[in-house]
Amino acid sequence: MRDIVLIVHNIRSAVNVGGLFRTADGLGVNKIILSGYTPYPISDKDGRLPHLARKVHARIIKTALGAEKTVVWSHSQSLESVLKKLKTEGYQIAALEQSISAIPLNTYPAPRKVGLLVGNEVGGIDEKHLQKADVIIEIPMRGRKESFNVSTAAAMALYHLSLLDKQDS
């Protein structure tokens, strides 16, 4: 099976974060790394004010439905340090973003260790972070809208990666 880490950077919505936890659980993601200002569940070493941490946690668990307890996760302010660490551990970083240099998701020959990077709901992934990715993948749009919701797009990409496991067997 693929070793998949989902990297969630600068997502604003705690509801989206909860949805990502639930999808990650359902599709066998090994770990979620929440970075930047992405909301995150309460942790043992939580540095946030308790009432703020509880408020964010409540919003996440509304859609995570317990997956925040079953999926290994961590939080880091610095995306750069996360990407550097994953690369030294042998992960290929695949940024899910619309770009002229992106390849369609269905043509992505994912390696055994992949870090799937998703970004902000409106602005996507910063150019400086895209440059640190090993590959940029995108989901071609067929309708009139320009993009999918971040949790929906991540679910599609993670499902695609899980299908590759079946092809490899």
Protein backbone atom coordinates (compact mmCIF):
# COMPACT_ATOMS: atom_id res chain seq x y z
CA MET A 1 0.00 0.00 0.00
CA ARG A 2 1.01 3.57 -0.59
CA ASP A 3 2.28 5.59 2.33
CA ILE A 4 0.22 8.76 2.00
CA VAL A 5 0.61 11.90 4.06
CA LEU A 6 -1.96 14.64 3.55
CA ILE A 7 -0.49 18.12 4.02
CA VAL A 8 -3.14 20.76 4.65
CA HIS A 9 -1.81 24.32 4.48
CA ASN A 10 -3.63 27.55 5.35
CA ILE A 11 -7.16 26.15 5.14
CA ARG A 12 -9.61 28.55 6.76
CA SER A 13 -12.60 26.32 7.40
CA ALA A 14 -12.72 23.97 10.38
CA VAL A 15 -15.57 22.17 8.57
CA ASN A 16 -13.24 21.46 5.64
CA VAL A 17 -10.58 20.22 8.05
CA GLY A 18 -13.10 17.86 9.66
CA GLY A 19 -14.12 16.58 6.24
CA LEU A 20 -10.46 15.98 5.37
CA PHE A 21 -10.03 13.94 8.56
CA ARG A 22 -13.03 11.79 7.70
CA THR A 23 -11.86 11.26 4.12
CA ALA A 24 -8.33 10.45 5.30
CA ASP A 25 -9.69 7.82 7.66
CA GLY A 26 -11.88 6.26 4.99
CA LEU A 27 -9.09 6.07 2.42
CA GLY A 28 -6.27 4.91 4.67
CA VAL A 29 -4.13 8.04 4.80
CA ASN A 30 -1.22 7.44 7.20
CA LYS A 31 -1.01 10.96 8.59
CA ILE A 32 -2.38 14.47 8.23
CA ILE A 33 -0.08 17.43 8.76
CA LEU A 34 -1.93 20.69 9.35
CA SER A 35 0.22 23.75 8.74
CA GLY A 36 0.08 27.51 8.82
CA TYR A 37 -3.18 28.88 10.16
CA THR A 38 -5.17 25.72 9.41
CA PRO A 39 -7.49 24.94 12.33
CA TYR A 40 -6.52 21.82 14.29
CA PRO A 41 -8.09 19.66 17.00
CA ILE A 42 -7.20 20.02 20.67
CA SER A 43 -3.91 18.37 21.55
CA ASP A 44 -2.06 17.56 24.77
CA LYS A 45 0.49 20.33 24.20
CA ASP A 46 -1.97 22.88 22.86
CA GLY A 47 -0.64 26.44 23.08
CA ARG A 48 -3.93 28.12 22.18
CA LEU A 49 -6.22 29.74 24.71
CA PRO A 50 -8.45 26.92 26.01
CA HIS A 51 -11.76 28.51 25.02
CA LEU A 52 -10.48 29.13 21.46
CA ALA A 53 -9.11 25.59 21.14
CA ARG A 54 -12.45 24.14 22.31
CA LYS A 55 -14.39 26.30 19.84
CA VAL A 56 -12.25 25.22 16.87
CA HIS A 57 -12.26 21.60 18.04
CA ALA A 58 -16.07 21.58 18.19
CA ARG A 59 -16.28 22.78 14.58
CA ILE A 60 -13.80 20.16 13.37
CA ILE A 61 -15.47 17.22 15.11
CA LYS A 62 -18.85 18.20 13.65
CA THR A 63 -17.71 16.82 10.27
CA ALA A 64 -14.80 14.58 11.33
CA LEU A 65 -17.21 12.38 13.34
CA GLY A 66 -14.41 10.81 15.37
CA ALA A 67 -11.80 10.60 12.60
CA GLU A 68 -9.71 13.19 14.46
CA LYS A 69 -9.09 10.37 16.97
CA THR A 70 -8.31 7.64 14.42
CA VAL A 71 -5.99 9.47 12.01
CA VAL A 72 -2.49 10.38 13.17
CA TRP A 73 -2.03 14.12 12.82
CA SER A 74 0.32 16.94 13.73
CA HIS A 75 0.41 20.71 13.43
CA SER A 76 3.29 22.88 12.26
CA GLN A 77 3.41 26.60 11.61
CA SER A 78 6.07 26.14 8.94
CA LEU A 79 5.16 24.39 5.70
CA GLU A 80 8.76 24.69 4.55
CA SER A 81 10.04 22.55 7.43
CA VAL A 82 7.28 19.98 6.82
CA LEU A 83 8.14 19.64 3.12
CA LYS A 84 11.87 19.43 3.83
CA LYS A 85 11.36 16.69 6.45
CA LEU A 86 9.06 14.64 4.23
CA LYS A 87 11.50 14.85 1.32
CA THR A 88 14.36 13.62 3.51
CA GLU A 89 12.10 10.70 4.49
CA GLY A 90 11.67 9.80 0.81
CA TYR A 91 8.25 11.28 0.09
CA GLN A 92 7.43 12.83 -3.27
CA ILE A 93 5.49 16.05 -2.73
CA ALA A 94 2.48 16.31 -5.04
CA ALA A 95 0.73 19.69 -4.91
CA LEU A 96 -2.94 19.57 -5.87
CA GLU A 97 -3.37 22.86 -7.69
CA GLN A 98 -4.41 24.34 -11.02
CA SER A 99 -1.32 25.39 -12.93
CA ILE A 100 -0.02 25.47 -16.49
CA SER A 101 2.68 23.03 -15.36
CA ALA A 102 0.21 20.64 -13.71
CA ILE A 103 -0.45 17.14 -14.96
CA PRO A 104 -3.94 15.64 -14.85
CA LEU A 105 -4.58 13.59 -11.71
CA ASN A 106 -5.45 10.46 -13.70
CA THR A 107 -2.00 10.48 -15.37
CA TYR A 108 -0.03 10.85 -12.14
CA PRO A 109 2.15 7.76 -11.57
CA ALA A 110 2.38 8.13 -7.79
CA PRO A 111 5.36 6.59 -6.02
CA ARG A 112 5.00 4.42 -2.92
CA LYS A 113 5.55 7.43 -0.60
CA VAL A 114 3.60 10.54 -1.47
CA GLY A 115 2.80 13.75 0.38
CA LEU A 116 -0.36 15.31 -1.07
CA LEU A 117 -0.33 19.06 -0.49
CA VAL A 118 -3.59 21.02 -0.53
CA GLY A 119 -3.98 24.73 0.07
CA ASN A 120 -6.27 27.61 0.84
CA GLU A 121 -9.90 27.46 -0.31
CA VAL A 122 -9.67 30.70 -2.31
CA GLY A 123 -6.01 31.36 -3.11
CA GLY A 124 -4.79 27.78 -3.38
CA ILE A 125 -1.13 27.01 -2.79
CA ASP A 126 1.37 29.90 -2.81
CA GLU A 127 3.77 29.99 -5.74
CA LYS A 128 6.77 29.75 -3.39
CA HIS A 129 5.37 26.49 -2.00
CA LEU A 130 4.45 25.17 -5.45
CA GLN A 131 8.11 25.53 -6.40
CA LYS A 132 9.05 23.17 -3.56
CA ALA A 133 6.68 20.46 -4.82
CA ASP A 134 8.09 17.62 -6.91
CA VAL A 135 5.00 17.55 -9.11
CA ILE A 136 1.81 19.57 -9.50
CA ILE A 137 -1.35 17.63 -10.21
CA GLU A 138 -4.80 18.92 -11.05
CA ILE A 139 -8.33 17.69 -11.53
CA PRO A 140 -9.57 18.87 -14.94
CA MET A 141 -12.77 20.90 -14.71
CA ARG A 142 -15.58 20.11 -17.12
CA GLY A 143 -18.28 22.45 -15.86
CA ARG A 144 -18.53 26.19 -15.54
CA LYS A 145 -16.94 26.60 -12.11
CA GLU A 146 -13.19 27.16 -11.87
CA SER A 147 -12.41 24.73 -9.08
CA PHE A 148 -13.65 22.16 -6.57
CA ASN A 149 -13.94 22.68 -2.83
CA VAL A 150 -10.61 21.77 -1.22
CA SER A 151 -11.99 18.84 0.76
CA THR A 152 -13.79 17.51 -2.32
CA ALA A 153 -10.66 17.83 -4.49
CA ALA A 154 -8.51 16.17 -1.83
CA ALA A 155 -11.02 13.31 -1.59
CA MET A 156 -10.85 12.77 -5.35
CA ALA A 157 -7.06 12.76 -5.34
CA LEU A 158 -6.83 10.45 -2.32
CA TYR A 159 -9.34 8.06 -3.87
CA HIS A 160 -7.28 8.02 -7.08
CA LEU A 161 -4.16 7.17 -5.05
CA SER A 162 -6.04 4.36 -3.30
CA LEU A 163 -7.08 2.93 -6.68
CA LEU A 164 -3.41 2.84 -7.73
CA ASP A 165 -2.79 0.39 -4.87
CA LYS A 166 -5.23 -2.04 -6.48
CA GLN A 167 -3.50 -1.66 -9.87
CA ASP A 168 -0.10 -2.32 -8.29
CA SER A 169 -1.24 -5.60 -6.68
